[in-house]
């Protein structure tokens, strides 16, 4: 998805704990209205990151990937979490039909398989997960797009 000419921030994680630590850093800067777009193959850590992020936001409910229900809203944290999974959708029209955009202003929105939709408008942040060269190694490339993301990311990196 990386469409800008700027270099992404690249972080390497060697364990679930590393992934949780990175998510905790993100939780420090998130606020209502933020959109985080996740891409990457199955098993690269997208859901693991979101679960840790939800925990650090104070979400009490069990967080699993909403692959079959497409969208889940969890409101028990310091900020609500709108969790979307586009894996089973095949067109922009299908994505637009689920209506998760109504939560953009009142929650942090996290979207797994975000590359299945072309209609996201900045500001948002892209997080692309991939396998590293070692068994448990994962690499995440982080690219801010619009808003004050550059400034906010500089506070945690």
N, C-alpha and C. Protein backbone atom coordinates (compact mmCIF):
# COMPACT_ATOMS: atom_id res chain seq x y z
N UNK A 1 0.81 -1.19 0.00
CA UNK A 1 0.00 0.00 0.00
C UNK A 1 0.85 1.26 0.00
N UNK A 2 2.10 1.17 0.37
CA UNK A 2 2.92 2.36 0.55
C UNK A 2 2.98 3.15 -0.74
N UNK A 3 2.28 4.27 -0.75
CA UNK A 3 2.14 5.06 -1.97
C UNK A 3 2.92 6.36 -1.94
N UNK A 4 3.51 6.68 -0.83
CA UNK A 4 4.24 7.94 -0.72
C UNK A 4 5.71 7.73 -1.05
N UNK A 5 6.40 8.83 -1.27
CA UNK A 5 7.81 8.76 -1.59
C UNK A 5 8.71 8.86 -0.37
N UNK A 6 8.12 8.86 0.83
CA UNK A 6 8.95 8.93 2.04
C UNK A 6 9.27 7.51 2.51
N UNK A 7 10.37 7.41 3.22
CA UNK A 7 10.80 6.12 3.74
C UNK A 7 9.99 5.74 4.98
N UNK A 8 9.51 4.51 5.04
CA UNK A 8 8.79 4.09 6.24
C UNK A 8 9.76 3.87 7.40
N UNK A 9 9.22 3.88 8.61
CA UNK A 9 9.95 3.47 9.80
C UNK A 9 9.89 1.95 9.81
N UNK A 10 11.01 1.29 9.95
CA UNK A 10 11.04 -0.17 9.92
C UNK A 10 11.49 -0.68 11.28
N UNK A 11 10.70 -1.56 11.86
CA UNK A 11 11.02 -2.16 13.16
C UNK A 11 11.02 -3.68 13.03
N UNK A 12 11.99 -4.31 13.68
CA UNK A 12 12.09 -5.76 13.69
C UNK A 12 11.67 -6.26 15.07
N UNK A 13 10.83 -7.29 15.06
CA UNK A 13 10.36 -7.90 16.31
C UNK A 13 10.76 -9.37 16.29
N UNK A 14 11.29 -9.84 17.41
CA UNK A 14 11.77 -11.22 17.48
C UNK A 14 10.90 -12.11 18.34
N UNK A 15 9.82 -11.56 18.87
CA UNK A 15 8.95 -12.34 19.75
C UNK A 15 7.60 -11.66 19.87
N UNK A 16 6.65 -12.38 20.45
CA UNK A 16 5.34 -11.81 20.75
C UNK A 16 5.51 -10.65 21.72
N UNK A 17 6.46 -10.77 22.63
CA UNK A 17 6.71 -9.69 23.59
C UNK A 17 7.20 -8.42 22.90
N UNK A 18 8.05 -8.57 21.88
CA UNK A 18 8.50 -7.40 21.11
C UNK A 18 7.32 -6.74 20.40
N UNK A 19 6.43 -7.56 19.86
CA UNK A 19 5.25 -7.04 19.18
C UNK A 19 4.37 -6.28 20.18
N UNK A 20 4.18 -6.86 21.36
CA UNK A 20 3.37 -6.20 22.40
C UNK A 20 4.02 -4.89 22.85
N UNK A 21 5.32 -4.86 22.93
CA UNK A 21 6.02 -3.63 23.33
C UNK A 21 5.79 -2.53 22.29
N UNK A 22 5.92 -2.88 21.01
CA UNK A 22 5.69 -1.88 19.97
C UNK A 22 4.24 -1.38 20.01
N UNK A 23 3.30 -2.29 20.21
CA UNK A 23 1.89 -1.90 20.33
C UNK A 23 1.68 -0.96 21.51
N UNK A 24 2.37 -1.23 22.62
CA UNK A 24 2.22 -0.37 23.80
C UNK A 24 2.72 1.04 23.52
N UNK A 25 3.77 1.16 22.71
CA UNK A 25 4.27 2.49 22.34
C UNK A 25 3.20 3.22 21.52
N UNK A 26 2.57 2.52 20.61
CA UNK A 26 1.50 3.13 19.82
C UNK A 26 0.33 3.55 20.70
N UNK A 27 -0.01 2.73 21.69
CA UNK A 27 -1.17 3.05 22.53
C UNK A 27 -0.99 4.38 23.26
N UNK A 28 0.25 4.78 23.47
CA UNK A 28 0.53 6.04 24.16
C UNK A 28 0.12 7.26 23.34
N UNK A 29 0.08 7.13 22.02
CA UNK A 29 -0.18 8.30 21.17
C UNK A 29 -1.54 8.27 20.48
N UNK A 30 -2.31 7.22 20.68
CA UNK A 30 -3.58 7.09 19.96
C UNK A 30 -4.70 7.87 20.61
N UNK A 31 -5.60 8.36 19.77
CA UNK A 31 -6.76 9.10 20.23
C UNK A 31 -7.93 8.83 19.29
N UNK A 32 -9.11 9.21 19.73
CA UNK A 32 -10.30 9.04 18.89
C UNK A 32 -10.06 9.68 17.53
N UNK A 33 -10.50 8.99 16.50
CA UNK A 33 -10.34 9.50 15.14
C UNK A 33 -9.14 8.93 14.41
N UNK A 34 -8.25 8.23 15.10
CA UNK A 34 -7.08 7.66 14.46
C UNK A 34 -7.47 6.41 13.66
N UNK A 35 -6.82 6.25 12.52
CA UNK A 35 -7.05 5.10 11.65
C UNK A 35 -5.71 4.43 11.41
N UNK A 36 -5.64 3.13 11.70
CA UNK A 36 -4.44 2.34 11.48
C UNK A 36 -4.78 1.24 10.49
N UNK A 37 -4.06 1.20 9.38
CA UNK A 37 -4.31 0.25 8.31
C UNK A 37 -3.22 -0.82 8.31
N UNK A 38 -3.64 -2.08 8.48
CA UNK A 38 -2.72 -3.21 8.59
C UNK A 38 -2.73 -4.05 7.33
N UNK A 39 -1.54 -4.39 6.83
CA UNK A 39 -1.41 -5.30 5.70
C UNK A 39 -0.33 -6.32 6.03
N UNK A 40 -0.32 -7.40 5.26
CA UNK A 40 0.69 -8.44 5.44
C UNK A 40 0.04 -9.81 5.36
N UNK A 41 0.87 -10.81 5.14
CA UNK A 41 0.40 -12.18 5.01
C UNK A 41 -0.20 -12.69 6.31
N UNK A 42 -0.94 -13.77 6.20
CA UNK A 42 -1.47 -14.45 7.38
C UNK A 42 -0.30 -14.88 8.26
N UNK A 43 -0.44 -14.66 9.57
CA UNK A 43 0.57 -15.11 10.51
C UNK A 43 1.74 -14.17 10.74
N UNK A 44 1.69 -12.97 10.19
CA UNK A 44 2.82 -12.06 10.33
C UNK A 44 2.72 -11.16 11.56
N UNK A 45 1.60 -11.21 12.29
CA UNK A 45 1.53 -10.48 13.55
C UNK A 45 0.51 -9.36 13.63
N UNK A 46 -0.31 -9.20 12.61
CA UNK A 46 -1.30 -8.11 12.61
C UNK A 46 -2.24 -8.23 13.81
N UNK A 47 -2.86 -9.38 13.97
CA UNK A 47 -3.82 -9.56 15.06
C UNK A 47 -3.13 -9.53 16.42
N UNK A 48 -1.94 -10.10 16.51
CA UNK A 48 -1.18 -10.07 17.76
C UNK A 48 -0.91 -8.63 18.18
N UNK A 49 -0.53 -7.79 17.23
CA UNK A 49 -0.29 -6.38 17.51
C UNK A 49 -1.59 -5.72 18.00
N UNK A 50 -2.69 -5.96 17.31
CA UNK A 50 -3.96 -5.34 17.67
C UNK A 50 -4.44 -5.81 19.04
N UNK A 51 -4.24 -7.08 19.36
CA UNK A 51 -4.62 -7.58 20.69
C UNK A 51 -3.83 -6.86 21.78
N UNK A 52 -2.53 -6.70 21.58
CA UNK A 52 -1.71 -5.99 22.57
C UNK A 52 -2.10 -4.53 22.64
N UNK A 53 -2.38 -3.92 21.51
CA UNK A 53 -2.82 -2.54 21.48
C UNK A 53 -4.12 -2.36 22.27
N UNK A 54 -5.07 -3.25 22.04
CA UNK A 54 -6.35 -3.19 22.75
C UNK A 54 -6.14 -3.31 24.26
N UNK A 55 -5.28 -4.22 24.65
CA UNK A 55 -5.00 -4.39 26.09
C UNK A 55 -4.45 -3.10 26.68
N UNK A 56 -3.51 -2.47 25.97
CA UNK A 56 -2.91 -1.24 26.47
C UNK A 56 -3.87 -0.05 26.42
N UNK A 57 -4.90 -0.13 25.59
CA UNK A 57 -5.94 0.90 25.58
C UNK A 57 -6.97 0.66 26.69
N UNK A 58 -6.84 -0.47 27.40
CA UNK A 58 -7.75 -0.78 28.49
C UNK A 58 -8.98 -1.55 28.07
N UNK A 59 -8.97 -2.11 26.87
CA UNK A 59 -10.11 -2.90 26.40
C UNK A 59 -10.19 -4.17 27.23
N UNK A 60 -11.36 -4.41 27.79
CA UNK A 60 -11.57 -5.57 28.67
C UNK A 60 -12.04 -6.81 27.90
N UNK A 61 -12.74 -6.61 26.78
CA UNK A 61 -13.26 -7.73 26.02
C UNK A 61 -12.15 -8.53 25.34
N UNK A 62 -12.43 -9.79 25.06
CA UNK A 62 -11.52 -10.62 24.30
C UNK A 62 -11.42 -10.06 22.88
N UNK A 63 -10.22 -9.88 22.39
CA UNK A 63 -10.01 -9.34 21.06
C UNK A 63 -9.50 -10.46 20.16
N UNK A 64 -10.33 -10.80 19.19
CA UNK A 64 -9.94 -11.74 18.15
C UNK A 64 -10.19 -11.06 16.81
N UNK A 65 -9.61 -11.59 15.78
CA UNK A 65 -9.81 -11.00 14.46
C UNK A 65 -11.25 -11.23 14.02
N UNK A 66 -11.97 -10.17 13.64
CA UNK A 66 -13.38 -10.33 13.27
C UNK A 66 -13.57 -10.79 11.82
N UNK A 67 -12.87 -11.85 11.44
CA UNK A 67 -12.88 -12.31 10.06
C UNK A 67 -14.28 -12.63 9.57
N UNK A 68 -15.10 -13.24 10.38
CA UNK A 68 -16.42 -13.67 9.92
C UNK A 68 -17.51 -12.64 10.19
N UNK A 69 -17.34 -11.82 11.23
CA UNK A 69 -18.34 -10.78 11.50
C UNK A 69 -17.94 -9.45 10.87
N UNK A 70 -16.75 -9.35 10.35
CA UNK A 70 -16.17 -8.21 9.64
C UNK A 70 -15.82 -7.03 10.55
N UNK A 71 -16.71 -6.67 11.48
CA UNK A 71 -16.48 -5.48 12.30
C UNK A 71 -16.91 -5.74 13.74
N UNK A 72 -16.06 -5.31 14.67
CA UNK A 72 -16.38 -5.37 16.11
C UNK A 72 -16.03 -4.02 16.73
N UNK A 73 -16.92 -3.53 17.57
CA UNK A 73 -16.66 -2.30 18.32
C UNK A 73 -16.49 -2.69 19.77
N UNK A 74 -15.36 -2.30 20.34
CA UNK A 74 -15.09 -2.58 21.75
C UNK A 74 -14.95 -1.24 22.45
N UNK A 75 -15.76 -1.04 23.50
CA UNK A 75 -15.87 0.29 24.10
C UNK A 75 -15.39 0.38 25.55
N UNK A 76 -14.75 -0.66 26.07
CA UNK A 76 -14.42 -0.68 27.50
C UNK A 76 -13.11 0.02 27.84
N UNK A 77 -12.36 0.51 26.88
CA UNK A 77 -11.07 1.12 27.15
C UNK A 77 -11.14 2.63 27.29
N UNK A 78 -9.98 3.25 27.42
CA UNK A 78 -9.92 4.71 27.54
C UNK A 78 -10.39 5.38 26.26
N UNK A 79 -10.36 4.65 25.16
CA UNK A 79 -10.91 5.09 23.88
C UNK A 79 -11.50 3.84 23.21
N UNK A 80 -12.67 3.95 22.59
CA UNK A 80 -13.24 2.78 21.91
C UNK A 80 -12.34 2.29 20.77
N UNK A 81 -12.42 1.00 20.48
CA UNK A 81 -11.64 0.39 19.41
C UNK A 81 -12.60 -0.21 18.39
N UNK A 82 -12.53 0.31 17.19
CA UNK A 82 -13.31 -0.22 16.06
C UNK A 82 -12.36 -1.12 15.27
N UNK A 83 -12.65 -2.42 15.27
CA UNK A 83 -11.74 -3.42 14.68
C UNK A 83 -12.43 -4.02 13.45
N UNK A 84 -11.80 -3.85 12.30
CA UNK A 84 -12.37 -4.28 11.03
C UNK A 84 -11.41 -5.28 10.38
N UNK A 85 -11.98 -6.31 9.76
CA UNK A 85 -11.18 -7.30 9.03
C UNK A 85 -11.79 -7.45 7.64
N UNK A 86 -11.05 -7.06 6.62
CA UNK A 86 -11.56 -7.06 5.25
C UNK A 86 -11.18 -8.32 4.47
N UNK A 87 -10.66 -9.33 5.15
CA UNK A 87 -10.15 -10.52 4.48
C UNK A 87 -11.17 -11.18 3.55
N UNK A 88 -12.41 -11.25 3.99
CA UNK A 88 -13.43 -11.96 3.21
C UNK A 88 -14.14 -11.08 2.19
N UNK A 89 -13.76 -9.82 2.08
CA UNK A 89 -14.42 -8.92 1.14
C UNK A 89 -13.59 -8.78 -0.13
N UNK A 90 -14.28 -8.60 -1.25
CA UNK A 90 -13.59 -8.64 -2.53
C UNK A 90 -13.70 -7.38 -3.37
N UNK A 91 -14.41 -6.37 -2.89
CA UNK A 91 -14.54 -5.16 -3.70
C UNK A 91 -14.75 -3.95 -2.79
N UNK A 92 -14.49 -2.78 -3.35
CA UNK A 92 -14.74 -1.54 -2.61
C UNK A 92 -16.21 -1.43 -2.22
N UNK A 93 -17.10 -1.87 -3.09
CA UNK A 93 -18.53 -1.80 -2.80
C UNK A 93 -18.90 -2.63 -1.58
N UNK A 94 -18.33 -3.83 -1.48
CA UNK A 94 -18.59 -4.67 -0.30
C UNK A 94 -18.09 -3.99 0.97
N UNK A 95 -16.91 -3.41 0.91
CA UNK A 95 -16.33 -2.73 2.08
C UNK A 95 -17.21 -1.55 2.48
N UNK A 96 -17.62 -0.76 1.52
CA UNK A 96 -18.45 0.41 1.82
C UNK A 96 -19.79 0.02 2.39
N UNK A 97 -20.25 -1.19 2.14
CA UNK A 97 -21.53 -1.65 2.63
C UNK A 97 -21.56 -2.02 4.10
N UNK A 98 -20.40 -2.16 4.75
CA UNK A 98 -20.42 -2.57 6.16
C UNK A 98 -20.55 -1.40 7.13
N UNK A 99 -20.27 -0.19 6.70
CA UNK A 99 -20.55 0.99 7.50
C UNK A 99 -19.65 1.28 8.68
N UNK A 100 -18.43 0.76 8.70
CA UNK A 100 -17.55 1.02 9.83
C UNK A 100 -17.07 2.46 9.88
N UNK A 101 -17.21 3.20 8.79
CA UNK A 101 -16.77 4.60 8.76
C UNK A 101 -17.50 5.47 9.77
N UNK A 102 -18.68 5.05 10.18
CA UNK A 102 -19.44 5.86 11.14
C UNK A 102 -18.74 5.95 12.49
N UNK A 103 -17.74 5.13 12.74
CA UNK A 103 -17.01 5.15 14.00
C UNK A 103 -15.69 5.91 13.91
N UNK A 104 -15.35 6.42 12.73
CA UNK A 104 -14.07 7.10 12.54
C UNK A 104 -13.83 8.20 13.58
N UNK A 105 -14.83 8.99 13.89
CA UNK A 105 -14.64 10.13 14.79
C UNK A 105 -14.71 9.77 16.27
N UNK A 106 -15.24 8.60 16.60
CA UNK A 106 -15.49 8.27 18.00
C UNK A 106 -14.64 7.13 18.53
N UNK A 107 -13.75 6.60 17.71
CA UNK A 107 -12.95 5.45 18.12
C UNK A 107 -11.60 5.47 17.41
N UNK A 108 -10.70 4.63 17.89
CA UNK A 108 -9.51 4.29 17.12
C UNK A 108 -9.95 3.16 16.20
N UNK A 109 -9.72 3.32 14.91
CA UNK A 109 -10.12 2.30 13.94
C UNK A 109 -8.88 1.56 13.47
N UNK A 110 -8.91 0.22 13.61
CA UNK A 110 -7.84 -0.63 13.10
C UNK A 110 -8.44 -1.52 12.03
N UNK A 111 -7.78 -1.60 10.88
CA UNK A 111 -8.30 -2.35 9.75
C UNK A 111 -7.28 -3.37 9.29
N UNK A 112 -7.61 -4.65 9.45
CA UNK A 112 -6.77 -5.72 8.94
C UNK A 112 -7.11 -5.97 7.47
N UNK A 113 -6.11 -6.33 6.68
CA UNK A 113 -6.27 -6.56 5.26
C UNK A 113 -6.75 -5.29 4.56
N UNK A 114 -6.20 -4.16 4.98
CA UNK A 114 -6.62 -2.85 4.47
C UNK A 114 -6.36 -2.70 2.98
N UNK A 115 -5.44 -3.48 2.43
CA UNK A 115 -5.15 -3.37 1.00
C UNK A 115 -6.28 -3.89 0.12
N UNK A 116 -7.34 -4.41 0.73
CA UNK A 116 -8.50 -4.87 -0.04
C UNK A 116 -9.49 -3.75 -0.31
N UNK A 117 -9.15 -2.53 0.11
CA UNK A 117 -10.02 -1.38 -0.10
C UNK A 117 -9.19 -0.19 -0.56
N UNK A 118 -9.64 0.49 -1.59
CA UNK A 118 -8.87 1.61 -2.13
C UNK A 118 -9.40 2.97 -1.70
N UNK A 119 -10.42 3.01 -0.85
CA UNK A 119 -11.07 4.27 -0.53
C UNK A 119 -10.65 4.96 0.75
N UNK A 120 -9.60 4.51 1.41
CA UNK A 120 -9.18 5.19 2.63
C UNK A 120 -8.59 6.55 2.28
N UNK A 121 -8.97 7.55 3.07
CA UNK A 121 -8.45 8.90 2.85
C UNK A 121 -7.65 9.33 4.08
N UNK A 122 -6.51 10.00 3.86
CA UNK A 122 -5.70 10.48 4.99
C UNK A 122 -6.51 11.42 5.87
N UNK A 123 -6.12 11.55 7.11
CA UNK A 123 -4.89 10.99 7.69
C UNK A 123 -5.11 9.55 8.21
N UNK A 124 -4.10 8.76 8.03
CA UNK A 124 -4.04 7.41 8.59
C UNK A 124 -2.58 6.99 8.66
N UNK A 125 -2.37 5.83 9.27
CA UNK A 125 -1.02 5.28 9.31
C UNK A 125 -1.09 3.86 8.78
N UNK A 126 -0.13 3.50 7.97
CA UNK A 126 -0.06 2.16 7.41
C UNK A 126 0.98 1.34 8.17
N UNK A 127 0.63 0.11 8.49
CA UNK A 127 1.56 -0.81 9.14
C UNK A 127 1.57 -2.10 8.32
N UNK A 128 2.71 -2.36 7.66
CA UNK A 128 2.83 -3.56 6.84
C UNK A 128 3.71 -4.57 7.56
N UNK A 129 3.17 -5.75 7.81
CA UNK A 129 3.87 -6.82 8.53
C UNK A 129 4.36 -7.87 7.54
N UNK A 130 5.57 -8.37 7.80
CA UNK A 130 6.10 -9.44 6.97
C UNK A 130 7.00 -10.35 7.81
N UNK A 131 7.24 -11.55 7.28
CA UNK A 131 8.13 -12.49 7.94
C UNK A 131 9.56 -12.01 7.83
N UNK A 132 10.33 -12.24 8.90
CA UNK A 132 11.76 -11.97 8.87
C UNK A 132 12.52 -13.21 8.43
N UNK A 133 13.82 -13.17 8.55
CA UNK A 133 14.64 -14.29 8.10
C UNK A 133 14.75 -15.41 9.13
N UNK A 134 14.38 -15.13 10.38
CA UNK A 134 14.41 -16.15 11.43
C UNK A 134 12.98 -16.57 11.76
N UNK A 135 12.83 -17.73 12.40
CA UNK A 135 11.52 -18.33 12.62
C UNK A 135 10.51 -17.38 13.27
N UNK A 136 10.87 -16.71 14.34
CA UNK A 136 9.94 -15.85 15.05
C UNK A 136 10.07 -14.37 14.70
N UNK A 137 10.95 -14.05 13.79
CA UNK A 137 11.19 -12.66 13.44
C UNK A 137 10.08 -12.12 12.53
N UNK A 138 9.61 -10.92 12.87
CA UNK A 138 8.63 -10.21 12.06
C UNK A 138 9.15 -8.80 11.85
N UNK A 139 8.85 -8.25 10.70
CA UNK A 139 9.27 -6.89 10.37
C UNK A 139 8.02 -6.08 10.07
N UNK A 140 7.94 -4.91 10.69
CA UNK A 140 6.82 -4.02 10.41
C UNK A 140 7.36 -2.72 9.83
N UNK A 141 6.77 -2.31 8.73
CA UNK A 141 7.09 -1.03 8.10
C UNK A 141 5.93 -0.08 8.40
N UNK A 142 6.25 1.07 8.94
CA UNK A 142 5.26 2.03 9.43
C UNK A 142 5.36 3.29 8.58
N UNK A 143 4.24 3.67 7.97
CA UNK A 143 4.25 4.84 7.11
C UNK A 143 3.09 5.76 7.47
N UNK A 144 3.41 6.95 7.98
CA UNK A 144 2.35 7.93 8.26
C UNK A 144 1.85 8.56 6.97
N UNK A 145 0.58 8.87 6.94
CA UNK A 145 0.00 9.51 5.76
C UNK A 145 -0.95 10.61 6.22
N UNK A 146 -0.45 11.83 6.27
CA UNK A 146 -1.27 12.99 6.61
C UNK A 146 -1.38 13.25 8.10
N UNK A 147 -2.09 14.30 8.40
CA UNK A 147 -2.31 14.68 9.80
C UNK A 147 -1.02 14.97 10.53
N UNK A 148 -1.03 14.72 11.83
CA UNK A 148 0.15 14.98 12.65
C UNK A 148 0.90 13.70 13.01
N UNK A 149 0.75 12.67 12.18
CA UNK A 149 1.38 11.39 12.48
C UNK A 149 2.90 11.49 12.60
N UNK A 150 3.56 12.24 11.72
CA UNK A 150 5.02 12.35 11.81
C UNK A 150 5.45 12.84 13.17
N UNK A 151 4.82 13.89 13.65
CA UNK A 151 5.15 14.45 14.97
C UNK A 151 4.87 13.44 16.06
N UNK A 152 3.72 12.80 16.02
CA UNK A 152 3.36 11.84 17.06
C UNK A 152 4.29 10.63 17.07
N UNK A 153 4.65 10.15 15.89
CA UNK A 153 5.58 9.02 15.82
C UNK A 153 6.96 9.40 16.33
N UNK A 154 7.35 10.65 16.12
CA UNK A 154 8.67 11.07 16.63
C UNK A 154 8.71 11.04 18.15
N UNK A 155 7.56 11.08 18.79
CA UNK A 155 7.50 11.00 20.25
C UNK A 155 7.76 9.59 20.77
N UNK A 156 7.59 8.57 19.91
CA UNK A 156 7.79 7.20 20.39
C UNK A 156 8.96 6.50 19.73
N UNK A 157 9.53 7.09 18.67
CA UNK A 157 10.68 6.48 18.00
C UNK A 157 11.87 7.41 18.04
